Amino acid sequence: MMKILPSILSADFAHLAEEVLDVAHDADLIHVDVMDGHFVPNLSMGAGVIKALKREVAIAQDVHLMVEEPIPLLPQFLDAGADMVSIHVEACRHLHRAVQIIRDGGAKAGVVLNPSTPASALEAIIKDVDYVLVMTVDPGFGGQRFLPSMLDKIKAVRSMINTLKCPVAIEVDGGINEHTLPLCYAAGASLFVAGSGIFSSADRHTAIERLKRSIFKGTGNGS
């Protein structure tokens, strides 16, 4: 089953709780990008934002940690109430330990691949995670153009999952819209992160519904 995850990186931070409330009835989860200014060239929110939103809005949170060496930071995000936590294979030297910490903390564990990281980097860890996040842009900033070459990587990850018969979902993030979502869906993804395409719309309900319906409109051209 496909799910739409609005990325609050594109929301109005001055009215963040209201922004999340505006999409909560239509979205399946919200996506929270955490950036440290080192692993990616940008800074964003921390565990305090997750905890505050948990008090205000009853919606699950998918937390994407774009940080160097995430293990020391995991307890604070788990304590804040993160429901899903993903970490980059490029940033974590002890992936299995990190995944176990996330699962022991009661959250679903995911691993993330940057565009330049091949699907083969998952071979030692894929049986131990709940989902794989394939970045379809270089991480760090919203509003970037989708990289069509990532479709082959999504297919490769889906093939690996099918061969191993493990219950792992594929999430995609970056340039997701009505044209690119069906392409990713056909390649094997089921979780779709969208930021500016939702929060820049005056009618978020309609924006999310259009994304959901896009899988029935053919594959488009990804442009």
N, C-alpha and C. Protein backbone atom coordinates (compact mmCIF):
# COMPACT_ATOMS: atom_id res chain seq x y z
N MET A 1 0.84 -1.20 0.00
CA MET A 1 0.00 0.00 0.00
C MET A 1 0.88 1.25 0.00
N MET A 2 0.60 2.18 -0.91
CA MET A 2 1.39 3.39 -0.98
C MET A 2 1.02 4.35 0.14
N LYS A 3 2.00 5.12 0.58
CA LYS A 3 1.78 6.13 1.61
C LYS A 3 2.48 7.43 1.21
N ILE A 4 1.84 8.55 1.53
CA ILE A 4 2.39 9.87 1.26
C ILE A 4 2.88 10.47 2.57
N LEU A 5 4.13 10.95 2.55
CA LEU A 5 4.75 11.52 3.74
C LEU A 5 5.14 12.98 3.46
N PRO A 6 4.31 13.95 3.85
CA PRO A 6 4.69 15.35 3.66
C PRO A 6 5.96 15.69 4.46
N SER A 7 6.91 16.32 3.79
CA SER A 7 8.15 16.71 4.46
C SER A 7 8.00 18.10 5.06
N ILE A 8 8.12 18.20 6.36
CA ILE A 8 7.91 19.50 7.01
C ILE A 8 9.08 20.45 6.80
N LEU A 9 10.13 20.00 6.11
CA LEU A 9 11.20 20.91 5.74
C LEU A 9 10.66 22.04 4.85
N SER A 10 9.57 21.77 4.14
CA SER A 10 8.97 22.77 3.25
C SER A 10 7.82 23.52 3.90
N ALA A 11 7.53 23.23 5.17
CA ALA A 11 6.43 23.91 5.86
C ALA A 11 6.88 25.27 6.39
N ASP A 12 5.91 26.05 6.83
CA ASP A 12 6.17 27.35 7.46
C ASP A 12 6.53 27.11 8.92
N PHE A 13 7.80 27.27 9.26
CA PHE A 13 8.26 26.96 10.61
C PHE A 13 7.65 27.88 11.67
N ALA A 14 7.18 29.04 11.27
CA ALA A 14 6.56 29.95 12.23
C ALA A 14 5.20 29.44 12.69
N HIS A 15 4.62 28.53 11.90
CA HIS A 15 3.31 27.97 12.24
C HIS A 15 3.35 26.45 12.03
N LEU A 16 4.38 25.82 12.55
CA LEU A 16 4.64 24.43 12.21
C LEU A 16 3.53 23.48 12.67
N ALA A 17 3.05 23.63 13.88
CA ALA A 17 1.98 22.74 14.36
C ALA A 17 0.73 22.87 13.50
N GLU A 18 0.38 24.11 13.13
CA GLU A 18 -0.79 24.32 12.27
C GLU A 18 -0.58 23.71 10.89
N GLU A 19 0.65 23.83 10.37
CA GLU A 19 0.96 23.25 9.07
C GLU A 19 0.81 21.73 9.09
N VAL A 20 1.29 21.11 10.15
CA VAL A 20 1.18 19.65 10.26
C VAL A 20 -0.28 19.24 10.44
N LEU A 21 -1.02 19.99 11.25
CA LEU A 21 -2.44 19.70 11.42
C LEU A 21 -3.18 19.77 10.09
N ASP A 22 -2.74 20.66 9.22
CA ASP A 22 -3.42 20.86 7.94
C ASP A 22 -3.28 19.65 7.02
N VAL A 23 -2.23 18.85 7.22
CA VAL A 23 -2.04 17.67 6.36
C VAL A 23 -2.31 16.36 7.08
N ALA A 24 -2.54 16.43 8.38
CA ALA A 24 -2.61 15.21 9.20
C ALA A 24 -3.74 14.28 8.80
N HIS A 25 -4.86 14.82 8.35
CA HIS A 25 -6.00 13.96 8.02
C HIS A 25 -5.82 13.23 6.69
N ASP A 26 -4.95 13.74 5.83
CA ASP A 26 -4.76 13.15 4.51
C ASP A 26 -3.46 12.36 4.38
N ALA A 27 -2.47 12.70 5.20
CA ALA A 27 -1.17 12.04 5.12
C ALA A 27 -1.13 10.81 6.01
N ASP A 28 -0.24 9.92 5.70
CA ASP A 28 -0.06 8.70 6.49
C ASP A 28 0.95 8.89 7.61
N LEU A 29 1.96 9.69 7.33
CA LEU A 29 2.97 10.09 8.31
C LEU A 29 3.47 11.46 7.88
N ILE A 30 4.26 12.10 8.75
CA ILE A 30 5.02 13.26 8.32
C ILE A 30 6.50 12.88 8.32
N HIS A 31 7.24 13.53 7.44
CA HIS A 31 8.65 13.25 7.29
C HIS A 31 9.44 14.41 7.89
N VAL A 32 10.38 14.07 8.77
CA VAL A 32 11.17 15.08 9.47
C VAL A 32 12.63 14.93 9.10
N ASP A 33 13.18 15.94 8.43
CA ASP A 33 14.58 15.93 8.02
C ASP A 33 15.45 16.59 9.09
N VAL A 34 16.41 15.84 9.59
CA VAL A 34 17.34 16.34 10.60
C VAL A 34 18.72 16.46 9.96
N MET A 35 19.26 17.68 9.92
CA MET A 35 20.53 17.93 9.25
C MET A 35 21.50 18.63 10.20
N ASP A 36 22.76 18.21 10.15
CA ASP A 36 23.74 18.70 11.13
C ASP A 36 24.72 19.74 10.58
N GLY A 37 24.62 20.07 9.29
CA GLY A 37 25.55 21.03 8.72
C GLY A 37 26.92 20.46 8.41
N HIS A 38 27.12 19.16 8.64
CA HIS A 38 28.39 18.49 8.36
C HIS A 38 28.19 17.38 7.32
N PHE A 39 27.32 16.45 7.62
CA PHE A 39 27.04 15.39 6.65
C PHE A 39 26.38 15.97 5.40
N VAL A 40 25.53 16.96 5.60
CA VAL A 40 24.93 17.72 4.50
C VAL A 40 25.14 19.21 4.79
N PRO A 41 25.19 20.04 3.74
CA PRO A 41 25.49 21.46 3.93
C PRO A 41 24.27 22.29 4.33
N ASN A 42 23.60 21.86 5.38
CA ASN A 42 22.44 22.61 5.84
C ASN A 42 22.16 22.21 7.29
N LEU A 43 21.44 23.05 8.00
CA LEU A 43 21.01 22.77 9.36
C LEU A 43 19.49 22.76 9.42
N SER A 44 18.94 21.88 10.23
CA SER A 44 17.48 21.88 10.39
C SER A 44 17.13 21.49 11.82
N MET A 45 15.94 20.98 12.00
CA MET A 45 15.36 20.76 13.33
C MET A 45 15.98 19.58 14.08
N GLY A 46 15.75 19.59 15.40
CA GLY A 46 16.26 18.52 16.24
C GLY A 46 15.14 17.79 16.96
N ALA A 47 15.50 17.03 17.99
CA ALA A 47 14.55 16.20 18.70
C ALA A 47 13.46 17.02 19.39
N GLY A 48 13.77 18.26 19.77
CA GLY A 48 12.78 19.10 20.44
C GLY A 48 11.57 19.37 19.56
N VAL A 49 11.79 19.50 18.26
CA VAL A 49 10.68 19.73 17.34
C VAL A 49 9.77 18.50 17.29
N ILE A 50 10.39 17.33 17.24
CA ILE A 50 9.62 16.09 17.20
C ILE A 50 8.77 15.95 18.47
N LYS A 51 9.37 16.22 19.60
CA LYS A 51 8.64 16.11 20.87
C LYS A 51 7.50 17.11 20.95
N ALA A 52 7.74 18.33 20.49
CA ALA A 52 6.70 19.36 20.53
C ALA A 52 5.53 19.00 19.62
N LEU A 53 5.84 18.50 18.42
CA LEU A 53 4.78 18.12 17.50
C LEU A 53 3.98 16.94 18.02
N LYS A 54 4.64 16.03 18.72
CA LYS A 54 3.94 14.88 19.30
C LYS A 54 2.86 15.33 20.29
N ARG A 55 3.12 16.44 20.98
CA ARG A 55 2.14 16.95 21.94
C ARG A 55 0.94 17.59 21.24
N GLU A 56 1.16 18.07 20.02
CA GLU A 56 0.13 18.85 19.34
C GLU A 56 -0.65 18.08 18.29
N VAL A 57 -0.02 17.10 17.64
CA VAL A 57 -0.63 16.44 16.49
C VAL A 57 -0.47 14.93 16.60
N ALA A 58 -1.57 14.20 16.46
CA ALA A 58 -1.54 12.74 16.54
C ALA A 58 -1.26 12.15 15.16
N ILE A 59 -0.01 12.23 14.74
CA ILE A 59 0.40 11.62 13.47
C ILE A 59 1.80 11.06 13.64
N ALA A 60 2.05 9.90 13.03
CA ALA A 60 3.35 9.26 13.15
C ALA A 60 4.42 10.09 12.45
N GLN A 61 5.64 9.99 12.96
CA GLN A 61 6.75 10.78 12.42
C GLN A 61 7.86 9.87 11.92
N ASP A 62 8.24 10.11 10.67
CA ASP A 62 9.34 9.41 10.02
C ASP A 62 10.55 10.35 10.05
N VAL A 63 11.56 10.01 10.83
CA VAL A 63 12.70 10.90 11.05
C VAL A 63 13.90 10.43 10.24
N HIS A 64 14.38 11.31 9.39
CA HIS A 64 15.52 11.03 8.51
C HIS A 64 16.73 11.77 9.05
N LEU A 65 17.69 11.02 9.59
CA LEU A 65 18.88 11.61 10.21
C LEU A 65 20.00 11.77 9.17
N MET A 66 20.19 13.00 8.74
CA MET A 66 21.30 13.33 7.83
C MET A 66 22.42 13.92 8.67
N VAL A 67 23.06 13.06 9.45
CA VAL A 67 24.06 13.50 10.42
C VAL A 67 25.25 12.55 10.39
N GLU A 68 26.40 13.07 10.79
CA GLU A 68 27.58 12.23 10.92
C GLU A 68 27.50 11.42 12.21
N GLU A 69 27.80 10.15 12.13
CA GLU A 69 27.78 9.24 13.29
C GLU A 69 26.50 9.41 14.12
N PRO A 70 25.39 8.88 13.64
CA PRO A 70 24.10 9.09 14.29
C PRO A 70 23.90 8.37 15.62
N ILE A 71 24.68 7.36 15.92
CA ILE A 71 24.41 6.54 17.10
C ILE A 71 24.30 7.36 18.39
N PRO A 72 25.18 8.31 18.68
CA PRO A 72 25.03 9.06 19.93
C PRO A 72 23.75 9.89 20.01
N LEU A 73 23.16 10.20 18.86
CA LEU A 73 21.96 11.03 18.82
C LEU A 73 20.66 10.22 18.88
N LEU A 74 20.75 8.93 18.62
CA LEU A 74 19.53 8.13 18.52
C LEU A 74 18.66 8.17 19.77
N PRO A 75 19.21 8.06 20.99
CA PRO A 75 18.34 8.05 22.17
C PRO A 75 17.44 9.26 22.29
N GLN A 76 17.94 10.45 21.96
CA GLN A 76 17.10 11.65 22.12
C GLN A 76 15.95 11.67 21.12
N PHE A 77 16.16 11.16 19.92
CA PHE A 77 15.08 11.13 18.95
C PHE A 77 14.06 10.04 19.28
N LEU A 78 14.53 8.93 19.79
CA LEU A 78 13.61 7.88 20.22
C LEU A 78 12.81 8.31 21.44
N ASP A 79 13.47 8.97 22.39
CA ASP A 79 12.76 9.47 23.56
C ASP A 79 11.74 10.55 23.20
N ALA A 80 12.03 11.29 22.12
CA ALA A 80 11.11 12.35 21.68
C ALA A 80 9.86 11.78 21.03
N GLY A 81 9.89 10.50 20.65
CA GLY A 81 8.70 9.87 20.09
C GLY A 81 8.74 9.55 18.62
N ALA A 82 9.92 9.52 18.00
CA ALA A 82 10.02 9.16 16.59
C ALA A 82 9.45 7.77 16.37
N ASP A 83 8.65 7.61 15.34
CA ASP A 83 8.03 6.32 15.03
C ASP A 83 8.85 5.51 14.04
N MET A 84 9.56 6.22 13.16
CA MET A 84 10.46 5.61 12.19
C MET A 84 11.73 6.44 12.18
N VAL A 85 12.87 5.79 12.12
CA VAL A 85 14.15 6.50 12.10
C VAL A 85 15.03 5.87 11.04
N SER A 86 15.55 6.69 10.13
CA SER A 86 16.46 6.18 9.11
C SER A 86 17.81 6.85 9.22
N ILE A 87 18.85 6.08 8.94
CA ILE A 87 20.23 6.54 9.03
C ILE A 87 20.95 6.22 7.73
N HIS A 88 21.93 7.03 7.39
CA HIS A 88 22.65 6.84 6.13
C HIS A 88 23.75 5.78 6.27
N VAL A 89 23.82 4.91 5.27
CA VAL A 89 24.89 3.92 5.27
C VAL A 89 26.25 4.62 5.14
N GLU A 90 26.26 5.80 4.53
CA GLU A 90 27.51 6.53 4.34
C GLU A 90 28.01 7.20 5.62
N ALA A 91 27.13 7.36 6.60
CA ALA A 91 27.47 8.13 7.79
C ALA A 91 27.69 7.28 9.04
N CYS A 92 27.28 6.03 9.00
CA CYS A 92 27.31 5.21 10.21
C CYS A 92 28.28 4.04 10.05
N ARG A 93 29.27 3.97 10.93
CA ARG A 93 30.27 2.90 10.85
C ARG A 93 29.76 1.59 11.41
N HIS A 94 28.71 1.65 12.23
CA HIS A 94 28.20 0.45 12.88
C HIS A 94 26.69 0.36 12.64
N LEU A 95 26.34 0.01 11.43
CA LEU A 95 24.94 0.02 11.02
C LEU A 95 24.07 -0.94 11.83
N HIS A 96 24.56 -2.14 12.04
CA HIS A 96 23.74 -3.12 12.77
C HIS A 96 23.47 -2.66 14.20
N ARG A 97 24.46 -2.07 14.83
CA ARG A 97 24.26 -1.56 16.19
C ARG A 97 23.23 -0.44 16.19
N ALA A 98 23.32 0.44 15.21
CA ALA A 98 22.38 1.55 15.14
C ALA A 98 20.95 1.06 14.90
N VAL A 99 20.81 0.10 13.98
CA VAL A 99 19.49 -0.46 13.70
C VAL A 99 18.91 -1.11 14.94
N GLN A 100 19.72 -1.82 15.70
CA GLN A 100 19.24 -2.47 16.92
C GLN A 100 18.81 -1.45 17.96
N ILE A 101 19.55 -0.36 18.08
CA ILE A 101 19.17 0.70 19.02
C ILE A 101 17.81 1.28 18.64
N ILE A 102 17.60 1.51 17.36
CA ILE A 102 16.32 2.06 16.90
C ILE A 102 15.18 1.10 17.22
N ARG A 103 15.38 -0.16 16.91
CA ARG A 103 14.31 -1.13 17.16
C ARG A 103 14.08 -1.34 18.66
N ASP A 104 15.14 -1.37 19.43
CA ASP A 104 14.98 -1.50 20.88
C ASP A 104 14.25 -0.31 21.47
N GLY A 105 14.35 0.84 20.78
CA GLY A 105 13.65 2.05 21.23
C GLY A 105 12.21 2.10 20.80
N GLY A 106 11.74 1.07 20.10
CA GLY A 106 10.33 0.97 19.74
C GLY A 106 9.97 1.57 18.40
N ALA A 107 10.96 1.95 17.60
CA ALA A 107 10.69 2.56 16.29
C ALA A 107 11.06 1.59 15.17
N LYS A 108 10.53 1.85 14.00
CA LYS A 108 10.95 1.12 12.81
C LYS A 108 12.28 1.68 12.34
N ALA A 109 13.14 0.80 11.86
CA ALA A 109 14.49 1.20 11.48
C ALA A 109 14.65 1.18 9.97
N GLY A 110 15.27 2.24 9.45
CA GLY A 110 15.53 2.32 8.02
C GLY A 110 16.97 2.72 7.75
N VAL A 111 17.44 2.38 6.56
CA VAL A 111 18.76 2.84 6.11
C VAL A 111 18.57 3.63 4.82
N VAL A 112 19.46 4.59 4.60
CA VAL A 112 19.33 5.53 3.48
C VAL A 112 20.53 5.41 2.55
N LEU A 113 20.24 5.51 1.25
CA LEU A 113 21.29 5.51 0.24
C LEU A 113 21.30 6.86 -0.47
N ASN A 114 22.45 7.53 -0.47
CA ASN A 114 22.63 8.71 -1.30
C ASN A 114 22.63 8.31 -2.77
N PRO A 115 22.40 9.26 -3.68
CA PRO A 115 22.36 8.91 -5.11
C PRO A 115 23.61 8.20 -5.62
N SER A 116 24.77 8.54 -5.10
CA SER A 116 26.01 7.93 -5.60
C SER A 116 26.34 6.60 -4.93
N THR A 117 25.53 6.17 -3.97
CA THR A 117 25.77 4.91 -3.27
C THR A 117 25.00 3.78 -3.94
N PRO A 118 25.65 2.71 -4.34
CA PRO A 118 24.96 1.63 -5.06
C PRO A 118 24.07 0.79 -4.15
N ALA A 119 23.11 0.14 -4.76
CA ALA A 119 22.21 -0.74 -4.01
C ALA A 119 22.97 -1.86 -3.31
N SER A 120 24.11 -2.26 -3.83
CA SER A 120 24.89 -3.34 -3.23
C SER A 120 25.35 -3.02 -1.80
N ALA A 121 25.35 -1.75 -1.43
CA ALA A 121 25.74 -1.36 -0.07
C ALA A 121 24.76 -1.88 0.98
N LEU A 122 23.61 -2.36 0.53
CA LEU A 122 22.58 -2.86 1.44
C LEU A 122 22.73 -4.34 1.78
N GLU A 123 23.58 -5.04 1.06
CA GLU A 123 23.59 -6.50 1.14
C GLU A 123 23.75 -7.05 2.55
N ALA A 124 24.56 -6.39 3.39
CA ALA A 124 24.82 -6.91 4.73
C ALA A 124 23.78 -6.49 5.76
N ILE A 125 22.89 -5.55 5.40
CA ILE A 125 21.99 -4.98 6.40
C ILE A 125 20.52 -5.12 6.05
N ILE A 126 20.18 -5.40 4.80
CA ILE A 126 18.79 -5.28 4.37
C ILE A 126 17.84 -6.21 5.10
N LYS A 127 18.30 -7.38 5.53
CA LYS A 127 17.43 -8.30 6.26
C LYS A 127 17.09 -7.80 7.66
N ASP A 128 17.81 -6.80 8.14
CA ASP A 128 17.65 -6.34 9.51
C ASP A 128 16.88 -5.03 9.63
N VAL A 129 16.40 -4.49 8.51
CA VAL A 129 15.71 -3.20 8.57
C VAL A 129 14.25 -3.36 8.15
N ASP A 130 13.50 -2.31 8.43
CA ASP A 130 12.08 -2.28 8.06
C ASP A 130 11.86 -1.58 6.73
N TYR A 131 12.74 -0.67 6.39
CA TYR A 131 12.59 0.05 5.12
C TYR A 131 13.93 0.60 4.66
N VAL A 132 13.99 0.86 3.36
CA VAL A 132 15.16 1.48 2.72
C VAL A 132 14.70 2.79 2.10
N LEU A 133 15.40 3.87 2.40
CA LEU A 133 15.11 5.16 1.79
C LEU A 133 16.12 5.42 0.68
N VAL A 134 15.63 5.48 -0.55
CA VAL A 134 16.47 5.79 -1.70
C VAL A 134 16.33 7.28 -1.99
N MET A 135 17.42 8.01 -1.81
CA MET A 135 17.40 9.44 -2.11
C MET A 135 17.42 9.63 -3.62
N THR A 136 16.44 10.38 -4.13
CA THR A 136 16.35 10.64 -5.56
C THR A 136 16.85 12.05 -5.91
N VAL A 137 17.48 12.68 -4.93
CA VAL A 137 18.28 13.90 -5.11
C VAL A 137 19.42 13.81 -4.10
N ASP A 138 20.44 14.64 -4.27
CA ASP A 138 21.46 14.72 -3.23
C ASP A 138 20.86 15.42 -2.02
N PRO A 139 20.99 14.85 -0.82
CA PRO A 139 20.29 15.38 0.34
C PRO A 139 20.85 16.71 0.82
N GLY A 140 19.99 17.45 1.53
CA GLY A 140 20.42 18.70 2.15
C GLY A 140 19.50 19.87 1.90
N PHE A 141 18.79 19.86 0.78
CA PHE A 141 17.91 20.99 0.44
C PHE A 141 16.64 20.47 -0.22
N GLY A 142 15.53 21.17 0.04
CA GLY A 142 14.27 20.82 -0.61
C GLY A 142 14.19 21.45 -1.99
N GLY A 143 13.19 20.99 -2.76
CA GLY A 143 12.91 21.60 -4.04
C GLY A 143 13.85 21.24 -5.17
N GLN A 144 14.62 20.16 -5.03
CA GLN A 144 15.57 19.78 -6.07
C GLN A 144 14.90 18.92 -7.16
N ARG A 145 15.59 18.82 -8.30
CA ARG A 145 15.09 18.07 -9.45
C ARG A 145 15.38 16.58 -9.29
N PHE A 146 14.38 15.78 -9.54
CA PHE A 146 14.46 14.33 -9.49
C PHE A 146 15.55 13.79 -10.42
N LEU A 147 16.31 12.81 -9.92
CA LEU A 147 17.36 12.18 -10.72
C LEU A 147 16.81 10.89 -11.34
N PRO A 148 16.50 10.88 -12.64
CA PRO A 148 15.89 9.69 -13.26
C PRO A 148 16.71 8.42 -13.11
N SER A 149 18.03 8.55 -13.01
CA SER A 149 18.88 7.36 -12.89
C SER A 149 18.60 6.57 -11.62
N MET A 150 17.92 7.20 -10.64
CA MET A 150 17.63 6.50 -9.40
C MET A 150 16.55 5.43 -9.56
N LEU A 151 15.82 5.47 -10.68
CA LEU A 151 14.80 4.45 -10.91
C LEU A 151 15.42 3.06 -11.01
N ASP A 152 16.57 2.97 -11.64
CA ASP A 152 17.26 1.68 -11.72
C ASP A 152 17.69 1.20 -10.34
N LYS A 153 18.07 2.13 -9.48
CA LYS A 153 18.46 1.73 -8.13
C LYS A 153 17.26 1.21 -7.34
N ILE A 154 16.12 1.89 -7.49
CA ILE A 154 14.90 1.42 -6.81
C ILE A 154 14.57 0.01 -7.27
N LYS A 155 14.68 -0.23 -8.58
CA LYS A 155 14.41 -1.57 -9.11
C LYS A 155 15.39 -2.59 -8.55
N ALA A 156 16.65 -2.19 -8.40
CA ALA A 156 17.66 -3.11 -7.86
C ALA A 156 17.37 -3.45 -6.41
N VAL A 157 16.96 -2.45 -5.65
CA VAL A 157 16.62 -2.70 -4.24
C VAL A 157 15.39 -3.60 -4.15
N ARG A 158 14.39 -3.32 -4.99
CA ARG A 158 13.18 -4.16 -4.99
C ARG A 158 13.52 -5.60 -5.36
N SER A 159 14.41 -5.78 -6.33
CA SER A 159 14.82 -7.13 -6.72
C SER A 159 15.51 -7.84 -5.56
N MET A 160 16.35 -7.12 -4.85
CA MET A 160 17.05 -7.70 -3.70
C MET A 160 16.05 -8.13 -2.63
N ILE A 161 15.08 -7.27 -2.36
CA ILE A 161 14.06 -7.58 -1.34
C ILE A 161 13.25 -8.81 -1.76
N ASN A 162 12.85 -8.85 -3.01
CA ASN A 162 12.04 -9.98 -3.50
C ASN A 162 12.83 -11.28 -3.46
N THR A 163 14.10 -11.21 -3.83
CA THR A 163 14.93 -12.42 -3.83
C THR A 163 15.11 -12.97 -2.42
N LEU A 164 15.31 -12.06 -1.47
CA LEU A 164 15.53 -12.48 -0.08
C LEU A 164 14.22 -12.74 0.67
N LYS A 165 13.10 -12.33 0.05
CA LYS A 165 11.78 -12.51 0.66
C LYS A 165 11.71 -11.89 2.06
N CYS A 166 12.21 -10.67 2.16
CA CYS A 166 12.17 -9.98 3.45
C CYS A 166 11.15 -8.84 3.38
N PRO A 167 10.41 -8.59 4.47
CA PRO A 167 9.35 -7.59 4.48
C PRO A 167 9.88 -6.17 4.65
N VAL A 168 10.52 -5.67 3.62
CA VAL A 168 11.16 -4.36 3.66
C VAL A 168 10.49 -3.44 2.65
N ALA A 169 10.11 -2.24 3.10
CA ALA A 169 9.49 -1.25 2.22
C ALA A 169 10.56 -0.36 1.61
N ILE A 170 10.24 0.24 0.47
CA ILE A 170 11.14 1.21 -0.16
C ILE A 170 10.49 2.59 -0.11
N GLU A 171 11.24 3.53 0.43
CA GLU A 171 10.81 4.92 0.51
C GLU A 171 11.67 5.73 -0.46
N VAL A 172 11.08 6.77 -1.05
CA VAL A 172 11.83 7.65 -1.94
C VAL A 172 11.63 9.10 -1.50
N ASP A 173 12.67 9.89 -1.69
CA ASP A 173 12.64 11.29 -1.25
C ASP A 173 13.46 12.13 -2.21
N GLY A 174 12.81 13.16 -2.78
CA GLY A 174 13.52 14.10 -3.64
C GLY A 174 12.86 14.27 -4.99
N GLY A 175 12.26 15.44 -5.22
CA GLY A 175 11.64 15.70 -6.51
C GLY A 175 10.42 14.87 -6.79
N ILE A 176 9.71 14.45 -5.76
CA ILE A 176 8.53 13.60 -5.94
C ILE A 176 7.31 14.46 -6.25
N ASN A 177 6.69 14.17 -7.39
CA ASN A 177 5.50 14.89 -7.81
C ASN A 177 4.60 13.94 -8.61
N GLU A 178 3.59 14.49 -9.26
CA GLU A 178 2.64 13.65 -10.00
C GLU A 178 3.26 12.92 -11.18
N HIS A 179 4.40 13.41 -11.67
CA HIS A 179 5.07 12.77 -12.79
C HIS A 179 6.07 11.71 -12.33
N THR A 180 6.81 12.01 -11.26
CA THR A 180 7.86 11.09 -10.83
C THR A 180 7.35 10.00 -9.88
N LEU A 181 6.29 10.29 -9.15
CA LEU A 181 5.78 9.28 -8.21
C LEU A 181 5.38 7.99 -8.93
N PRO A 182 4.62 8.04 -10.04
CA PRO A 182 4.26 6.79 -10.70
C PRO A 182 5.46 5.98 -11.20
N LEU A 183 6.51 6.69 -11.59
CA LEU A 183 7.72 6.00 -12.03
C LEU A 183 8.36 5.24 -10.88
N CYS A 184 8.42 5.88 -9.72
CA CYS A 184 9.00 5.23 -8.54
C CYS A 184 8.12 4.09 -8.05
N TYR A 185 6.82 4.28 -8.14
CA TYR A 185 5.88 3.24 -7.74
C TYR A 185 6.05 2.00 -8.62
N ALA A 186 6.14 2.23 -9.92
CA ALA A 186 6.32 1.12 -10.86
C ALA A 186 7.65 0.40 -10.63
N ALA A 187 8.65 1.15 -10.15
CA ALA A 187 9.97 0.56 -9.89
C ALA A 187 10.00 -0.24 -8.60
N GLY A 188 9.00 -0.02 -7.71
CA GLY A 188 8.94 -0.82 -6.49
C GLY A 188 8.83 -0.07 -5.19
N ALA A 189 8.73 1.26 -5.23
CA ALA A 189 8.62 2.05 -4.00
C ALA A 189 7.17 2.11 -3.54
N SER A 190 6.99 2.31 -2.23
CA SER A 190 5.62 2.43 -1.69
C SER A 190 5.47 3.59 -0.72
N LEU A 191 6.57 4.19 -0.27
CA LEU A 191 6.53 5.34 0.63
C LEU A 191 7.11 6.53 -0.10
N PHE A 192 6.34 7.64 -0.16
CA PHE A 192 6.73 8.77 -0.99
C PHE A 192 6.78 10.06 -0.17
N VAL A 193 7.97 10.63 -0.10
CA VAL A 193 8.16 11.89 0.62
C VAL A 193 7.99 13.03 -0.37
N ALA A 194 7.14 14.00 -0.03
CA ALA A 194 6.93 15.17 -0.87
C ALA A 194 6.85 16.40 0.03
N GLY A 195 7.59 17.43 -0.36
CA GLY A 195 7.64 18.63 0.47
C GLY A 195 6.97 19.83 -0.17
N SER A 196 7.70 20.49 -1.07
CA SER A 196 7.19 21.72 -1.67
C SER A 196 5.93 21.48 -2.48
N GLY A 197 5.79 20.30 -3.09
CA GLY A 197 4.60 20.00 -3.87
C GLY A 197 3.34 19.98 -3.04
N ILE A 198 3.49 19.77 -1.73
CA ILE A 198 2.33 19.78 -0.82
C ILE A 198 2.21 21.11 -0.11
N PHE A 199 3.28 21.53 0.56
CA PHE A 199 3.17 22.71 1.41
C PHE A 199 3.13 24.04 0.64
N SER A 200 3.52 24.02 -0.63
CA SER A 200 3.40 25.24 -1.43
C SER A 200 2.01 25.39 -2.03
N SER A 201 1.19 24.36 -1.87
CA SER A 201 -0.17 24.39 -2.41
C SER A 201 -1.13 25.05 -1.42
N ALA A 202 -2.06 25.82 -1.94
CA ALA A 202 -3.07 26.45 -1.09
C ALA A 202 -4.05 25.42 -0.55
N ASP A 203 -4.20 24.30 -1.25
CA ASP A 203 -5.10 23.23 -0.84
C ASP A 203 -4.30 21.96 -0.69
N ARG A 204 -3.83 21.71 0.53
CA ARG A 204 -2.97 20.54 0.79
C ARG A 204 -3.72 19.23 0.59
N HIS A 205 -5.02 19.21 0.91
CA HIS A 205 -5.83 18.01 0.72
C HIS A 205 -5.81 17.58 -0.75
N THR A 206 -6.05 18.53 -1.63
CA THR A 206 -6.06 18.24 -3.06
C THR A 206 -4.68 17.82 -3.54
N ALA A 207 -3.64 18.48 -3.03
CA ALA A 207 -2.27 18.15 -3.44
C ALA A 207 -1.92 16.71 -3.09
N ILE A 208 -2.30 16.28 -1.91
CA ILE A 208 -2.02 14.90 -1.49
C ILE A 208 -2.85 13.91 -2.29
N GLU A 209 -4.11 14.24 -2.52
CA GLU A 209 -4.97 13.35 -3.30
C GLU A 209 -4.46 13.20 -4.73
N ARG A 210 -3.95 14.27 -5.30
CA ARG A 210 -3.40 14.18 -6.66
C ARG A 210 -2.19 13.25 -6.70
N LEU A 211 -1.36 13.32 -5.67
CA LEU A 211 -0.22 12.41 -5.61
C LEU A 211 -0.68 10.96 -5.51
N LYS A 212 -1.68 10.72 -4.69
CA LYS A 212 -2.18 9.35 -4.54
C LYS A 212 -2.79 8.83 -5.82
N ARG A 213 -3.49 9.69 -6.54
CA ARG A 213 -4.17 9.26 -7.77
C ARG A 213 -3.21 9.15 -8.95
N SER A 214 -2.03 9.73 -8.82
CA SER A 214 -1.11 9.77 -9.96
C SER A 214 -0.68 8.39 -10.44
N ILE A 215 -0.72 7.40 -9.55
CA ILE A 215 -0.29 6.05 -9.97
C ILE A 215 -1.24 5.44 -10.98
N PHE A 216 -2.44 6.02 -11.11
CA PHE A 216 -3.41 5.48 -12.06
C PHE A 216 -3.39 6.22 -13.39
N LYS A 217 -2.47 7.18 -13.53
CA LYS A 217 -2.46 8.02 -14.72
C LYS A 217 -1.31 7.68 -15.66
N GLY A 218 -0.75 6.51 -15.54
CA GLY A 218 0.37 6.17 -16.40
C GLY A 218 1.69 6.56 -15.77
N THR A 219 2.75 6.46 -16.50
CA THR A 219 4.08 6.68 -15.95
C THR A 219 4.65 8.06 -16.24
N GLY A 220 4.08 8.84 -17.15
CA GLY A 220 4.62 10.15 -17.42
C GLY A 220 6.04 10.05 -17.97
N ASN A 221 6.79 11.13 -17.84
CA ASN A 221 8.17 11.11 -18.36
C ASN A 221 9.19 11.52 -17.34
N GLY A 222 8.74 11.79 -16.08
CA GLY A 222 9.68 12.10 -15.02
C GLY A 222 10.27 13.47 -15.10
N SER A 223 9.79 14.33 -16.02
CA SER A 223 10.38 15.66 -16.14
C SER A 223 9.66 16.67 -15.28
